[in-house]
Amino acid sequence: MTGHTLDCLKCPSLCCRMAGYVEVTRADIRRLAKFLGLTVPEFERRHIVERTRKGAKRIKSGYDTCQFLGEDRMCTVYAGRPKDCRGYFCWDQADTTVHEFARFFQTAPGALRAEEAKDR
């Protein structure tokens, strides 16, 4: 997908709504707790939504919308976001679903109509 630039601010936050779960490490939990002004146990009580059989902790589960996505479609904990989020780029993933949705949303209607007419 390299070469297909996207404007993340024009995206309807697909990565935070449909990209699966977000696992947090101990370091992530400490950083997020500090960012939010909470103790680690408080953070875990309020924000851990799932624990795996192996003991991994998640703040976003499945295809649920991330609890830290603001109404303005911006991350409310961006400076303290977990490692999973720091390394995620929808255009550089094995599953291109999120990138293709984002690309569709960022295509002008006229260009979509022209593409559709070409496919007929």
Protein backbone atom coordinates (compact mmCIF):
# COMPACT_ATOMS: atom_id res chain seq x y z
CA MET A 1 0.00 0.00 0.00
CA THR A 2 3.01 2.31 0.10
CA GLY A 3 2.53 5.39 -2.05
CA HIS A 4 -1.17 5.77 -1.26
CA THR A 5 -1.17 8.76 1.03
CA LEU A 6 -4.12 9.36 3.27
CA ASP A 7 -5.06 12.36 5.35
CA CYS A 8 -5.78 10.90 8.78
CA LEU A 9 -7.77 14.02 9.72
CA LYS A 10 -10.17 13.33 6.83
CA CYS A 11 -10.68 9.71 7.89
CA PRO A 12 -13.72 8.79 10.00
CA SER A 13 -11.30 7.17 12.50
CA LEU A 14 -11.65 3.73 11.00
CA CYS A 15 -8.54 2.44 12.80
CA CYS A 16 -10.08 3.33 16.17
CA ARG A 17 -13.45 1.90 15.21
CA MET A 18 -12.78 -1.27 13.31
CA ALA A 19 -9.13 -2.31 13.46
CA GLY A 20 -9.57 -4.95 16.17
CA TYR A 21 -8.27 -4.98 19.72
CA VAL A 22 -5.62 -2.85 21.43
CA GLU A 23 -3.42 -4.71 23.87
CA VAL A 24 -1.54 -2.76 26.51
CA THR A 25 1.76 -3.63 28.16
CA ARG A 26 2.68 -2.74 31.73
CA ALA A 27 4.62 0.25 30.38
CA ASP A 28 1.56 1.35 28.36
CA ILE A 29 -0.65 1.09 31.44
CA ARG A 30 1.78 3.14 33.55
CA ARG A 31 2.09 5.79 30.82
CA LEU A 32 -1.68 6.01 30.28
CA ALA A 33 -2.39 6.10 34.02
CA LYS A 34 0.11 8.92 34.47
CA PHE A 35 -1.31 10.80 31.47
CA LEU A 36 -4.84 10.53 32.92
CA GLY A 37 -3.76 11.33 36.49
CA LEU A 38 -4.76 7.89 37.78
CA THR A 39 -3.00 5.19 39.73
CA VAL A 40 -2.29 1.97 37.86
CA PRO A 41 -5.02 0.05 39.76
CA GLU A 42 -7.53 2.88 39.06
CA PHE A 43 -6.65 2.85 35.39
CA GLU A 44 -7.05 -0.92 35.19
CA ARG A 45 -10.44 -0.84 36.95
CA ARG A 46 -11.76 1.89 34.69
CA HIS A 47 -10.19 1.12 31.34
CA ILE A 48 -9.20 -2.53 30.91
CA VAL A 49 -12.08 -4.02 28.93
CA GLU A 50 -10.73 -7.51 28.32
CA ARG A 51 -8.17 -9.95 29.66
CA THR A 52 -6.96 -12.86 27.56
CA ARG A 53 -6.40 -16.39 28.83
CA LYS A 54 -2.67 -15.65 28.80
CA GLY A 55 -3.20 -12.57 30.99
CA ALA A 56 -2.81 -9.88 28.32
CA LYS A 57 -4.85 -6.75 28.97
CA ARG A 58 -6.80 -4.80 26.37
CA ILE A 59 -8.30 -1.32 26.30
CA LYS A 60 -10.18 -1.96 23.03
CA SER A 61 -11.88 -5.16 22.18
CA GLY A 62 -12.76 -6.61 18.81
CA TYR A 63 -14.49 -4.17 16.55
CA ASP A 64 -15.72 -1.87 19.33
CA THR A 65 -14.91 1.82 19.08
CA CYS A 66 -11.92 2.76 21.22
CA GLN A 67 -12.96 4.30 24.53
CA PHE A 68 -10.37 7.04 24.01
CA LEU A 69 -11.70 8.27 20.67
CA GLY A 70 -13.12 11.77 21.15
CA GLU A 71 -16.24 13.18 19.50
CA ASP A 72 -13.95 15.19 17.22
CA ARG A 73 -12.49 11.84 15.98
CA MET A 74 -9.18 12.63 17.68
CA CYS A 75 -7.41 10.45 20.24
CA THR A 76 -7.96 11.87 23.72
CA VAL A 77 -4.82 10.15 25.05
CA TYR A 78 -2.60 10.69 22.00
CA ALA A 79 0.52 11.72 23.95
CA GLY A 80 0.17 8.64 26.18
CA ARG A 81 -1.23 6.21 23.61
CA PRO A 82 -0.13 2.56 23.78
CA LYS A 83 2.55 0.90 21.69
CA ASP A 84 -0.09 -0.86 19.52
CA CYS A 85 -1.46 2.54 18.46
CA ARG A 86 1.95 4.17 18.02
CA GLY A 87 2.96 1.53 15.49
CA TYR A 88 -0.28 1.30 13.53
CA PHE A 89 -0.53 2.67 9.99
CA CYS A 90 -3.59 1.53 8.05
CA TRP A 91 -1.69 1.70 4.75
CA ASP A 92 1.07 -0.61 5.95
CA GLN A 93 -0.89 -3.65 7.18
CA ALA A 94 -1.34 -7.15 5.79
CA ASP A 95 -5.13 -6.67 5.87
CA THR A 96 -5.89 -3.67 3.63
CA THR A 97 -9.56 -3.34 4.67
CA VAL A 98 -9.10 -0.22 6.81
CA HIS A 99 -6.91 1.47 4.19
CA GLU A 100 -9.39 0.74 1.40
CA PHE A 101 -12.30 2.12 3.47
CA ALA A 102 -10.30 5.25 4.35
CA ARG A 103 -9.26 5.72 0.73
CA PHE A 104 -12.92 5.41 -0.36
CA PHE A 105 -14.03 8.02 2.19
CA GLN A 106 -11.33 10.42 0.99
CA THR A 107 -12.19 10.14 -2.70
CA ALA A 108 -14.21 12.99 -4.15
CA PRO A 109 -17.71 11.95 -5.34
CA GLY A 110 -16.88 12.98 -8.93
CA ALA A 111 -13.85 10.68 -8.96
CA LEU A 112 -15.96 7.83 -7.57
CA ARG A 113 -18.56 8.36 -10.31
CA ALA A 114 -15.84 8.38 -12.97
CA GLU A 115 -14.36 5.17 -11.56
CA GLU A 116 -17.81 3.55 -11.50
CA ALA A 117 -18.50 4.60 -15.11
CA LYS A 118 -15.14 3.16 -16.18
CA ASP A 119 -16.03 -0.20 -14.58
CA ARG A 120 -19.30 -0.49 -16.56
